[in-house]
Amino acid sequence: MADNSGKRVEVKAPMSGVFYRQSAPDQPPYVEIGTEVKKKQVLGLLETMKVFQKIKSPTSGTVVEIVAENEKALGDGDVMFVLETD
């Protein structure tokens, strides 16, 4: 039987803004590489015009790459995370 696991899903910025990995500078990041996440779990924050939007996982899986850099600007559609689905 073929193993169909390991499908990769890119989580992209829904709009331009500044990316944050944690809720406050003194708090731990929401996720790290290797973190197992559930659908709709918060992965990070995107600040646009002083409004923070929670970036949520579109699926359950494991974080295999964090592409976006903390406190750096992102454009609409930029890849933020790569997940590997179950």
C-alpha atoms as a PDB file:
ATOM      1  CA  MET A   1       0.000   0.000   0.000  1.00  0.00           C
ATOM      2  CA  ALA A   2       1.193   3.504  -0.784  1.00  0.00           C
ATOM      3  CA  ASP A   3       1.777   5.914   2.085  1.00  0.00           C
ATOM      4  CA  ASN A   4      -0.227   9.063   1.330  1.00  0.00           C
ATOM      5  CA  SER A   5       0.800  10.904   4.497  1.00  0.00           C
ATOM      6  CA  GLY A   6       3.071  13.900   4.335  1.00  0.00           C
ATOM      7  CA  LYS A   7       0.925  16.265   2.284  1.00  0.00           C
ATOM      8  CA  ARG A   8       2.284  19.773   2.733  1.00  0.00           C
ATOM      9  CA  VAL A   9       0.042  22.780   3.213  1.00  0.00           C
ATOM     10  CA  GLU A  10       1.242  26.376   2.970  1.00  0.00           C
ATOM     11  CA  VAL A  11      -0.332  28.918   5.327  1.00  0.00           C
ATOM     12  CA  LYS A  12      -0.283  32.301   3.575  1.00  0.00           C
ATOM     13  CA  ALA A  13      -0.797  35.850   4.813  1.00  0.00           C
ATOM     14  CA  PRO A  14      -4.405  36.899   4.143  1.00  0.00           C
ATOM     15  CA  MET A  15      -3.250  40.528   3.728  1.00  0.00           C
ATOM     16  CA  SER A  16      -0.170  42.708   4.112  1.00  0.00           C
ATOM     17  CA  GLY A  17       1.044  43.368   7.637  1.00  0.00           C
ATOM     18  CA  VAL A  18       3.684  42.740  10.287  1.00  0.00           C
ATOM     19  CA  PHE A  19       4.025  39.166  11.537  1.00  0.00           C
ATOM     20  CA  TYR A  20       4.449  38.244  15.202  1.00  0.00           C
ATOM     21  CA  ARG A  21       5.231  34.727  16.481  1.00  0.00           C
ATOM     22  CA  GLN A  22       4.007  35.442  20.035  1.00  0.00           C
ATOM     23  CA  SER A  23       1.276  37.475  21.745  1.00  0.00           C
ATOM     24  CA  ALA A  24       3.786  39.700  23.611  1.00  0.00           C
ATOM     25  CA  PRO A  25       7.585  40.073  23.658  1.00  0.00           C
ATOM     26  CA  ASP A  26       7.845  38.243  27.003  1.00  0.00           C
ATOM     27  CA  GLN A  27       5.619  35.332  25.898  1.00  0.00           C
ATOM     28  CA  PRO A  28       6.709  32.108  24.156  1.00  0.00           C
ATOM     29  CA  PRO A  29       5.956  31.679  20.428  1.00  0.00           C
ATOM     30  CA  TYR A  30       2.600  30.141  19.542  1.00  0.00           C
ATOM     31  CA  VAL A  31       4.322  27.316  17.645  1.00  0.00           C
ATOM     32  CA  GLU A  32       7.791  25.978  16.855  1.00  0.00           C
ATOM     33  CA  ILE A  33       9.003  23.611  14.143  1.00  0.00           C
ATOM     34  CA  GLY A  34       7.720  20.179  15.119  1.00  0.00           C
ATOM     35  CA  THR A  35       4.656  21.475  16.971  1.00  0.00           C
ATOM     36  CA  GLU A  36       1.557  19.383  16.301  1.00  0.00           C
ATOM     37  CA  VAL A  37      -1.413  21.671  15.669  1.00  0.00           C
ATOM     38  CA  LYS A  38      -5.162  21.241  15.423  1.00  0.00           C
ATOM     39  CA  LYS A  39      -7.399  22.877  12.831  1.00  0.00           C
ATOM     40  CA  LYS A  40      -8.067  26.537  13.793  1.00  0.00           C
ATOM     41  CA  GLN A  41      -5.211  26.617  16.341  1.00  0.00           C
ATOM     42  CA  VAL A  42      -3.451  30.010  16.461  1.00  0.00           C
ATOM     43  CA  LEU A  43      -0.066  29.952  14.705  1.00  0.00           C
ATOM     44  CA  GLY A  44       0.821  33.646  14.960  1.00  0.00           C
ATOM     45  CA  LEU A  45      -0.457  37.201  14.642  1.00  0.00           C
ATOM     46  CA  LEU A  46      -0.599  39.643  11.731  1.00  0.00           C
ATOM     47  CA  GLU A  47      -0.825  43.352  12.517  1.00  0.00           C
ATOM     48  CA  THR A  48      -2.459  45.524   9.897  1.00  0.00           C
ATOM     49  CA  MET A  49      -3.234  49.192  10.640  1.00  0.00           C
ATOM     50  CA  LYS A  50      -2.866  48.612  14.434  1.00  0.00           C
ATOM     51  CA  VAL A  51      -5.341  45.699  14.338  1.00  0.00           C
ATOM     52  CA  PHE A  52      -4.089  42.216  15.221  1.00  0.00           C
ATOM     53  CA  GLN A  53      -5.492  39.242  13.341  1.00  0.00           C
ATOM     54  CA  LYS A  54      -4.942  35.703  14.603  1.00  0.00           C
ATOM     55  CA  ILE A  55      -3.476  33.427  11.943  1.00  0.00           C
ATOM     56  CA  LYS A  56      -5.100  30.027  12.420  1.00  0.00           C
ATOM     57  CA  SER A  57      -4.162  26.645  11.047  1.00  0.00           C
ATOM     58  CA  PRO A  58      -6.365  25.572   8.115  1.00  0.00           C
ATOM     59  CA  THR A  59      -5.885  21.904   9.038  1.00  0.00           C
ATOM     60  CA  SER A  60      -4.466  19.572  11.660  1.00  0.00           C
ATOM     61  CA  GLY A  61      -0.834  18.608  11.191  1.00  0.00           C
ATOM     62  CA  THR A  62       2.753  19.359  12.161  1.00  0.00           C
ATOM     63  CA  VAL A  63       4.660  22.611  11.645  1.00  0.00           C
ATOM     64  CA  VAL A  64       7.601  21.715   9.391  1.00  0.00           C
ATOM     65  CA  GLU A  65       8.724  25.229   8.434  1.00  0.00           C
ATOM     66  CA  ILE A  66       8.287  28.766   9.759  1.00  0.00           C
ATOM     67  CA  VAL A  67       8.930  30.935   6.714  1.00  0.00           C
ATOM     68  CA  ALA A  68       7.913  34.346   8.052  1.00  0.00           C
ATOM     69  CA  GLU A  69      10.357  36.227  10.252  1.00  0.00           C
ATOM     70  CA  ASN A  70       9.173  37.636  13.569  1.00  0.00           C
ATOM     71  CA  GLU A  71       8.378  41.379  13.480  1.00  0.00           C
ATOM     72  CA  LYS A  72       8.934  41.593   9.701  1.00  0.00           C
ATOM     73  CA  ALA A  73       6.536  42.903   7.086  1.00  0.00           C
ATOM     74  CA  LEU A  74       4.678  40.447   4.870  1.00  0.00           C
ATOM     75  CA  GLY A  75       2.806  40.981   1.646  1.00  0.00           C
ATOM     76  CA  ASP A  76      -0.618  39.630   0.778  1.00  0.00           C
ATOM     77  CA  GLY A  77      -0.215  35.933  -0.039  1.00  0.00           C
ATOM     78  CA  ASP A  78       3.306  35.525   1.369  1.00  0.00           C
ATOM     79  CA  VAL A  79       3.918  32.056   2.830  1.00  0.00           C
ATOM     80  CA  MET A  80       4.067  32.167   6.625  1.00  0.00           C
ATOM     81  CA  PHE A  81       4.146  28.488   7.644  1.00  0.00           C
ATOM     82  CA  VAL A  82       4.377  25.067   6.034  1.00  0.00           C
ATOM     83  CA  LEU A  83       2.408  22.259   7.680  1.00  0.00           C
ATOM     84  CA  GLU A  84       2.535  18.539   7.034  1.00  0.00           C
ATOM     85  CA  THR A  85      -0.898  17.006   7.348  1.00  0.00           C
ATOM     86  CA  ASP A  86      -1.649  13.706   9.032  1.00  0.00           C
END
